[in-house]
């Protein structure tokens, strides 16, 4: 049995979609990787203003994600990171 997969390199990522999971908000914000920190400067949902953090974790993971993606893009001549996602077949 063969499996269909979707493969993409981190260096190919241009648009990020952030989906709020706080209290029935479900806001969806699409932005470029480079603008991620501008949209989420306060590290909270731009619509409902609920924070995107966990009490045990003090890091701003959206900023860390942005920095990691930018860093990997800068060294793509030395290393590439590829995500492989299975494609669900509804047959």
N, C-alpha and C. Protein backbone atom coordinates (compact mmCIF):
# COMPACT_ATOMS: atom_id res chain seq x y z
N UNK A 1 0.83 -1.17 0.00
CA UNK A 1 0.00 0.00 0.00
C UNK A 1 0.89 1.24 0.00
N UNK A 2 0.62 2.16 -0.89
CA UNK A 2 1.41 3.38 -0.96
C UNK A 2 0.69 4.52 -0.24
N UNK A 3 1.48 5.45 0.22
CA UNK A 3 0.93 6.59 0.93
C UNK A 3 1.30 7.86 0.18
N UNK A 4 0.36 8.75 0.05
CA UNK A 4 0.64 10.04 -0.57
C UNK A 4 1.09 11.00 0.53
N UNK A 5 2.13 11.75 0.25
CA UNK A 5 2.65 12.70 1.22
C UNK A 5 2.85 14.06 0.57
N UNK A 6 2.80 15.07 1.38
CA UNK A 6 3.12 16.42 0.98
C UNK A 6 4.44 16.77 1.65
N UNK A 7 5.41 17.17 0.85
CA UNK A 7 6.73 17.52 1.40
C UNK A 7 7.03 18.99 1.08
N UNK A 8 7.54 19.70 2.06
CA UNK A 8 7.96 21.07 1.80
C UNK A 8 9.14 21.42 2.70
N UNK A 9 10.00 22.26 2.17
CA UNK A 9 11.18 22.72 2.89
C UNK A 9 10.82 23.93 3.75
N UNK A 10 11.45 24.04 4.90
CA UNK A 10 11.23 25.19 5.76
C UNK A 10 11.54 26.48 5.01
N UNK A 11 12.54 26.46 4.16
CA UNK A 11 12.91 27.65 3.40
C UNK A 11 11.82 28.09 2.42
N UNK A 12 10.87 27.21 2.14
CA UNK A 12 9.76 27.54 1.24
C UNK A 12 8.59 28.22 1.96
N UNK A 13 8.61 28.19 3.29
CA UNK A 13 7.51 28.80 4.05
C UNK A 13 7.52 30.30 3.89
N UNK A 14 6.40 30.84 3.51
CA UNK A 14 6.26 32.29 3.36
C UNK A 14 5.12 32.82 4.24
N UNK A 15 4.04 32.06 4.33
CA UNK A 15 2.85 32.47 5.06
C UNK A 15 2.64 31.55 6.25
N UNK A 16 2.30 32.15 7.38
CA UNK A 16 2.01 31.42 8.61
C UNK A 16 0.57 31.72 8.99
N UNK A 17 -0.17 30.69 9.37
CA UNK A 17 -1.54 30.87 9.83
C UNK A 17 -1.59 30.53 11.31
N UNK A 18 -2.00 31.50 12.12
CA UNK A 18 -2.12 31.31 13.56
C UNK A 18 -3.62 31.26 13.88
N UNK A 19 -4.03 30.21 14.60
CA UNK A 19 -5.44 30.00 14.93
C UNK A 19 -5.61 30.05 16.44
N UNK A 20 -6.34 31.03 16.92
CA UNK A 20 -6.56 31.20 18.35
C UNK A 20 -7.40 30.04 18.88
N UNK A 21 -6.97 29.48 19.98
CA UNK A 21 -7.67 28.37 20.63
C UNK A 21 -8.30 28.80 21.96
N UNK A 22 -8.35 30.09 22.21
CA UNK A 22 -8.84 30.61 23.48
C UNK A 22 -10.35 30.84 23.47
N UNK A 23 -11.04 30.27 24.44
CA UNK A 23 -12.43 30.56 24.78
C UNK A 23 -13.34 30.95 23.61
N UNK A 24 -13.54 30.07 22.69
CA UNK A 24 -14.50 30.25 21.59
C UNK A 24 -14.13 31.36 20.61
N UNK A 25 -12.92 31.85 20.62
CA UNK A 25 -12.52 32.93 19.72
C UNK A 25 -12.35 32.41 18.29
N UNK A 26 -11.42 31.47 18.12
CA UNK A 26 -11.13 30.84 16.82
C UNK A 26 -10.71 31.83 15.73
N UNK A 27 -10.15 32.96 16.10
CA UNK A 27 -9.64 33.90 15.10
C UNK A 27 -8.52 33.24 14.31
N UNK A 28 -8.46 33.55 13.03
CA UNK A 28 -7.42 33.04 12.15
C UNK A 28 -6.69 34.24 11.57
N UNK A 29 -5.38 34.28 11.78
CA UNK A 29 -4.56 35.37 11.26
C UNK A 29 -3.50 34.76 10.36
N UNK A 30 -3.46 35.22 9.12
CA UNK A 30 -2.41 34.82 8.19
C UNK A 30 -1.45 36.00 8.03
N UNK A 31 -0.18 35.70 8.11
CA UNK A 31 0.83 36.72 7.96
C UNK A 31 2.09 36.09 7.37
N UNK A 32 2.98 36.91 6.90
CA UNK A 32 4.25 36.39 6.42
C UNK A 32 5.11 36.03 7.62
N UNK A 33 6.07 35.18 7.40
CA UNK A 33 7.00 34.81 8.47
C UNK A 33 7.68 36.06 9.01
N UNK A 34 8.05 36.98 8.12
CA UNK A 34 8.76 38.19 8.55
C UNK A 34 7.89 39.13 9.38
N UNK A 35 6.57 39.08 9.21
CA UNK A 35 5.67 39.97 9.94
C UNK A 35 5.06 39.33 11.18
N UNK A 36 5.46 38.12 11.50
CA UNK A 36 4.87 37.40 12.62
C UNK A 36 4.97 38.19 13.93
N UNK A 37 6.12 38.78 14.19
CA UNK A 37 6.30 39.52 15.45
C UNK A 37 5.48 40.81 15.48
N UNK A 38 5.18 41.38 14.34
CA UNK A 38 4.37 42.61 14.31
C UNK A 38 2.92 42.33 14.68
N UNK A 39 2.37 41.22 14.19
CA UNK A 39 0.98 40.87 14.48
C UNK A 39 0.80 40.41 15.92
N UNK A 40 1.81 39.79 16.48
CA UNK A 40 1.69 39.20 17.80
C UNK A 40 2.69 39.82 18.78
N UNK A 41 2.84 41.11 18.67
CA UNK A 41 3.81 41.85 19.50
C UNK A 41 3.56 41.62 20.99
N UNK A 42 2.30 41.63 21.41
CA UNK A 42 1.97 41.41 22.81
C UNK A 42 1.79 39.95 23.15
N UNK A 43 2.10 39.07 22.22
CA UNK A 43 2.00 37.62 22.40
C UNK A 43 0.60 37.22 22.84
N UNK A 44 -0.40 37.84 22.16
CA UNK A 44 -1.79 37.50 22.46
C UNK A 44 -2.58 37.57 21.16
N UNK A 45 -3.79 37.06 21.21
CA UNK A 45 -4.67 37.09 20.04
C UNK A 45 -5.02 38.54 19.71
N UNK A 46 -4.87 38.96 18.46
CA UNK A 46 -5.20 40.34 18.11
C UNK A 46 -6.71 40.62 18.18
N UNK A 47 -7.53 39.58 18.18
CA UNK A 47 -8.98 39.78 18.25
C UNK A 47 -9.51 39.75 19.69
N UNK A 48 -9.30 38.64 20.39
CA UNK A 48 -9.87 38.50 21.74
C UNK A 48 -8.91 38.96 22.84
N UNK A 49 -7.65 39.19 22.50
CA UNK A 49 -6.62 39.69 23.42
C UNK A 49 -6.20 38.67 24.49
N UNK A 50 -6.64 37.42 24.37
CA UNK A 50 -6.18 36.39 25.31
C UNK A 50 -4.72 36.07 25.02
N UNK A 51 -3.92 35.87 26.06
CA UNK A 51 -2.49 35.59 25.85
C UNK A 51 -2.25 34.20 25.29
N UNK A 52 -1.22 34.08 24.47
CA UNK A 52 -0.76 32.80 23.93
C UNK A 52 0.39 32.30 24.78
N UNK A 53 0.11 31.88 25.97
CA UNK A 53 1.19 31.37 26.82
C UNK A 53 0.61 30.38 27.82
N UNK A 54 1.52 29.66 28.40
CA UNK A 54 1.19 28.70 29.45
C UNK A 54 1.91 29.19 30.70
N UNK A 55 1.26 29.08 31.83
CA UNK A 55 1.85 29.60 33.07
C UNK A 55 3.24 29.03 33.37
N UNK A 56 3.48 27.78 32.98
CA UNK A 56 4.77 27.15 33.27
C UNK A 56 5.86 27.53 32.27
N UNK A 57 5.48 28.17 31.17
CA UNK A 57 6.43 28.49 30.11
C UNK A 57 6.47 29.99 29.88
N UNK A 58 7.61 30.59 30.06
CA UNK A 58 7.71 32.03 29.93
C UNK A 58 8.12 32.51 28.56
N UNK A 59 8.46 31.60 27.68
CA UNK A 59 8.98 32.00 26.38
C UNK A 59 7.89 32.46 25.43
N UNK A 60 8.26 33.35 24.51
CA UNK A 60 7.37 33.75 23.42
C UNK A 60 7.69 32.84 22.24
N UNK A 61 6.95 31.78 22.11
CA UNK A 61 7.27 30.76 21.11
C UNK A 61 7.03 31.23 19.68
N UNK A 62 6.15 32.20 19.48
CA UNK A 62 5.96 32.72 18.12
C UNK A 62 7.20 33.47 17.67
N UNK A 63 7.82 34.22 18.57
CA UNK A 63 9.07 34.90 18.23
C UNK A 63 10.18 33.88 18.00
N UNK A 64 10.23 32.86 18.83
CA UNK A 64 11.24 31.81 18.64
C UNK A 64 11.04 31.08 17.32
N UNK A 65 9.78 30.83 16.96
CA UNK A 65 9.49 30.20 15.66
C UNK A 65 9.98 31.09 14.53
N UNK A 66 9.67 32.37 14.61
CA UNK A 66 10.11 33.30 13.58
C UNK A 66 11.63 33.33 13.47
N UNK A 67 12.32 33.40 14.60
CA UNK A 67 13.78 33.42 14.59
C UNK A 67 14.36 32.13 14.01
N UNK A 68 13.76 30.99 14.37
CA UNK A 68 14.24 29.71 13.84
C UNK A 68 14.05 29.64 12.33
N UNK A 69 12.88 30.07 11.84
CA UNK A 69 12.63 30.03 10.40
C UNK A 69 13.57 30.96 9.65
N UNK A 70 13.79 32.14 10.19
CA UNK A 70 14.72 33.09 9.57
C UNK A 70 16.14 32.52 9.56
N UNK A 71 16.56 31.94 10.69
CA UNK A 71 17.91 31.38 10.77
C UNK A 71 18.12 30.23 9.81
N UNK A 72 17.14 29.35 9.72
CA UNK A 72 17.27 28.22 8.79
C UNK A 72 17.30 28.68 7.34
N UNK A 73 16.56 29.73 7.03
CA UNK A 73 16.58 30.26 5.66
C UNK A 73 17.97 30.80 5.32
N UNK A 74 18.63 31.42 6.31
CA UNK A 74 19.96 31.99 6.08
C UNK A 74 21.02 30.93 5.82
N UNK A 75 20.82 29.72 6.36
CA UNK A 75 21.83 28.68 6.17
C UNK A 75 21.34 27.56 5.24
N UNK A 76 20.37 27.89 4.37
CA UNK A 76 19.81 26.85 3.51
C UNK A 76 20.83 26.30 2.51
N UNK A 77 21.94 27.00 2.29
CA UNK A 77 22.99 26.45 1.42
C UNK A 77 23.79 25.36 2.15
N UNK A 78 23.64 25.27 3.47
CA UNK A 78 24.35 24.26 4.26
C UNK A 78 23.45 23.13 4.75
N UNK A 79 22.18 23.45 5.02
CA UNK A 79 21.25 22.44 5.52
C UNK A 79 19.83 22.86 5.17
N UNK A 80 19.00 21.87 4.90
CA UNK A 80 17.58 22.11 4.66
C UNK A 80 16.78 21.24 5.61
N UNK A 81 15.67 21.77 6.09
CA UNK A 81 14.74 21.01 6.92
C UNK A 81 13.47 20.83 6.10
N UNK A 82 13.03 19.59 5.99
CA UNK A 82 11.83 19.29 5.20
C UNK A 82 10.78 18.65 6.09
N UNK A 83 9.56 19.15 5.99
CA UNK A 83 8.44 18.54 6.69
C UNK A 83 7.73 17.60 5.72
N UNK A 84 7.32 16.44 6.22
CA UNK A 84 6.60 15.46 5.41
C UNK A 84 5.27 15.20 6.10
N UNK A 85 4.20 15.53 5.40
CA UNK A 85 2.85 15.39 5.95
C UNK A 85 2.08 14.35 5.15
N UNK A 86 1.46 13.38 5.81
CA UNK A 86 0.62 12.44 5.08
C UNK A 86 -0.63 13.13 4.58
N UNK A 87 -1.02 12.81 3.37
CA UNK A 87 -2.24 13.35 2.78
C UNK A 87 -3.34 12.33 2.95
N UNK A 88 -4.40 12.72 3.63
CA UNK A 88 -5.50 11.80 3.87
C UNK A 88 -6.25 11.54 2.58
N UNK A 89 -6.50 10.29 2.34
CA UNK A 89 -7.27 9.89 1.17
C UNK A 89 -8.66 9.47 1.64
N UNK A 90 -9.68 10.19 1.18
CA UNK A 90 -11.05 9.94 1.63
C UNK A 90 -11.75 8.81 0.87
N UNK A 91 -11.02 8.02 0.14
CA UNK A 91 -11.64 6.92 -0.63
C UNK A 91 -12.02 5.77 0.25
